[in-house]
Amino acid sequence: MKSSRKYLCAALSAALLLALGACAPEVGSERWCANMKAKAKADWSANEAVDYARHCILK
C-alpha cells in the first residue's frame, strides 16, 4: 500500500511539473518579445525570427 502511494505521489508531482512547464507566452505578446530579445540570436529558428520581426519590430 505504501509503495503505491509513493508512485501516485510521484506521478502527480511529475504531471504538475509538466503542466507548469508547458505554459509558454503567446507569440507576439510583450513577454514573448522580451524572452526572444534575451535569447541568443543563433538559437532562433527561422519561424521565430519572422514572428519576432512581425510582432515585435513592425508593430
C-alpha atoms as a PDB file:
ATOM      1  CA  MET A   1       0.000   0.000   0.000  1.00  0.00           C
ATOM      2  CA  LYS A   2       2.795   2.423   0.865  1.00  0.00           C
ATOM      3  CA  SER A   3       4.656   1.833  -2.412  1.00  0.00           C
ATOM      4  CA  SER A   4       1.531   2.502  -4.477  1.00  0.00           C
ATOM      5  CA  ARG A   5       1.065   5.767  -2.582  1.00  0.00           C
ATOM      6  CA  LYS A   6       4.670   6.726  -3.419  1.00  0.00           C
ATOM      7  CA  TYR A   7       4.091   6.039  -7.110  1.00  0.00           C
ATOM      8  CA  LEU A   8       0.863   8.022  -7.096  1.00  0.00           C
ATOM      9  CA  CYS A   9       2.552  10.970  -5.411  1.00  0.00           C
ATOM     10  CA  ALA A  10       5.472  10.831  -7.857  1.00  0.00           C
ATOM     11  CA  ALA A  11       3.123  10.649 -10.848  1.00  0.00           C
ATOM     12  CA  LEU A  12       1.070  13.602  -9.628  1.00  0.00           C
ATOM     13  CA  SER A  13       4.220  15.632  -8.990  1.00  0.00           C
ATOM     14  CA  ALA A  14       5.524  14.873 -12.479  1.00  0.00           C
ATOM     15  CA  ALA A  15       2.187  15.808 -14.044  1.00  0.00           C
ATOM     16  CA  LEU A  16       2.158  19.109 -12.159  1.00  0.00           C
ATOM     17  CA  LEU A  17       5.692  19.952 -13.280  1.00  0.00           C
ATOM     18  CA  LEU A  18       4.855  19.137 -16.886  1.00  0.00           C
ATOM     19  CA  ALA A  19       1.718  21.241 -16.778  1.00  0.00           C
ATOM     20  CA  LEU A  20       3.555  24.237 -15.347  1.00  0.00           C
ATOM     21  CA  GLY A  21       6.491  23.854 -17.708  1.00  0.00           C
ATOM     22  CA  ALA A  22       4.254  23.743 -20.760  1.00  0.00           C
ATOM     23  CA  CYS A  23       2.998  27.277 -20.203  1.00  0.00           C
ATOM     24  CA  ALA A  24       4.691  29.432 -22.805  1.00  0.00           C
ATOM     25  CA  PRO A  25       3.848  33.026 -23.582  1.00  0.00           C
ATOM     26  CA  GLU A  26       1.724  33.688 -26.660  1.00  0.00           C
ATOM     27  CA  VAL A  27       3.682  34.602 -29.780  1.00  0.00           C
ATOM     28  CA  GLY A  28       3.694  38.358 -30.170  1.00  0.00           C
ATOM     29  CA  SER A  29       2.971  39.176 -26.530  1.00  0.00           C
ATOM     30  CA  GLU A  30       5.194  41.571 -24.586  1.00  0.00           C
ATOM     31  CA  ARG A  31       6.569  38.666 -22.537  1.00  0.00           C
ATOM     32  CA  TRP A  32       7.326  36.631 -25.673  1.00  0.00           C
ATOM     33  CA  CYS A  33       9.147  39.577 -27.256  1.00  0.00           C
ATOM     34  CA  ALA A  34      11.205  40.070 -24.090  1.00  0.00           C
ATOM     35  CA  ASN A  35      12.077  36.354 -23.968  1.00  0.00           C
ATOM     36  CA  MET A  36      13.140  36.375 -27.612  1.00  0.00           C
ATOM     37  CA  LYS A  37      15.228  39.508 -27.117  1.00  0.00           C
ATOM     38  CA  ALA A  38      17.075  37.794 -24.259  1.00  0.00           C
ATOM     39  CA  LYS A  39      17.560  34.552 -26.224  1.00  0.00           C
ATOM     40  CA  ALA A  40      20.751  34.205 -28.278  1.00  0.00           C
ATOM     41  CA  LYS A  41      20.061  35.032 -31.934  1.00  0.00           C
ATOM     42  CA  ALA A  42      21.896  31.870 -33.025  1.00  0.00           C
ATOM     43  CA  ASP A  43      19.284  29.796 -31.172  1.00  0.00           C
ATOM     44  CA  TRP A  44      16.322  31.321 -33.040  1.00  0.00           C
ATOM     45  CA  SER A  45      14.516  29.273 -35.644  1.00  0.00           C
ATOM     46  CA  ALA A  46      13.563  30.873 -38.953  1.00  0.00           C
ATOM     47  CA  ASN A  47       9.914  30.991 -37.882  1.00  0.00           C
ATOM     48  CA  GLU A  48      10.830  32.682 -34.591  1.00  0.00           C
ATOM     49  CA  ALA A  49      12.848  35.321 -36.442  1.00  0.00           C
ATOM     50  CA  VAL A  50       9.930  36.063 -38.774  1.00  0.00           C
ATOM     51  CA  ASP A  51       7.472  36.197 -35.869  1.00  0.00           C
ATOM     52  CA  TYR A  52       9.799  38.484 -33.896  1.00  0.00           C
ATOM     53  CA  ALA A  53      10.121  40.866 -36.821  1.00  0.00           C
ATOM     54  CA  ARG A  54       6.383  40.828 -37.472  1.00  0.00           C
ATOM     55  CA  HIS A  55       5.169  41.191 -33.893  1.00  0.00           C
ATOM     56  CA  CYS A  56       7.948  42.970 -32.016  1.00  0.00           C
ATOM     57  CA  ILE A  57       9.627  45.253 -34.541  1.00  0.00           C
ATOM     58  CA  LEU A  58       6.970  46.055 -37.154  1.00  0.00           C
ATOM     59  CA  LYS A  59       4.029  46.602 -34.791  1.00  0.00           C
END
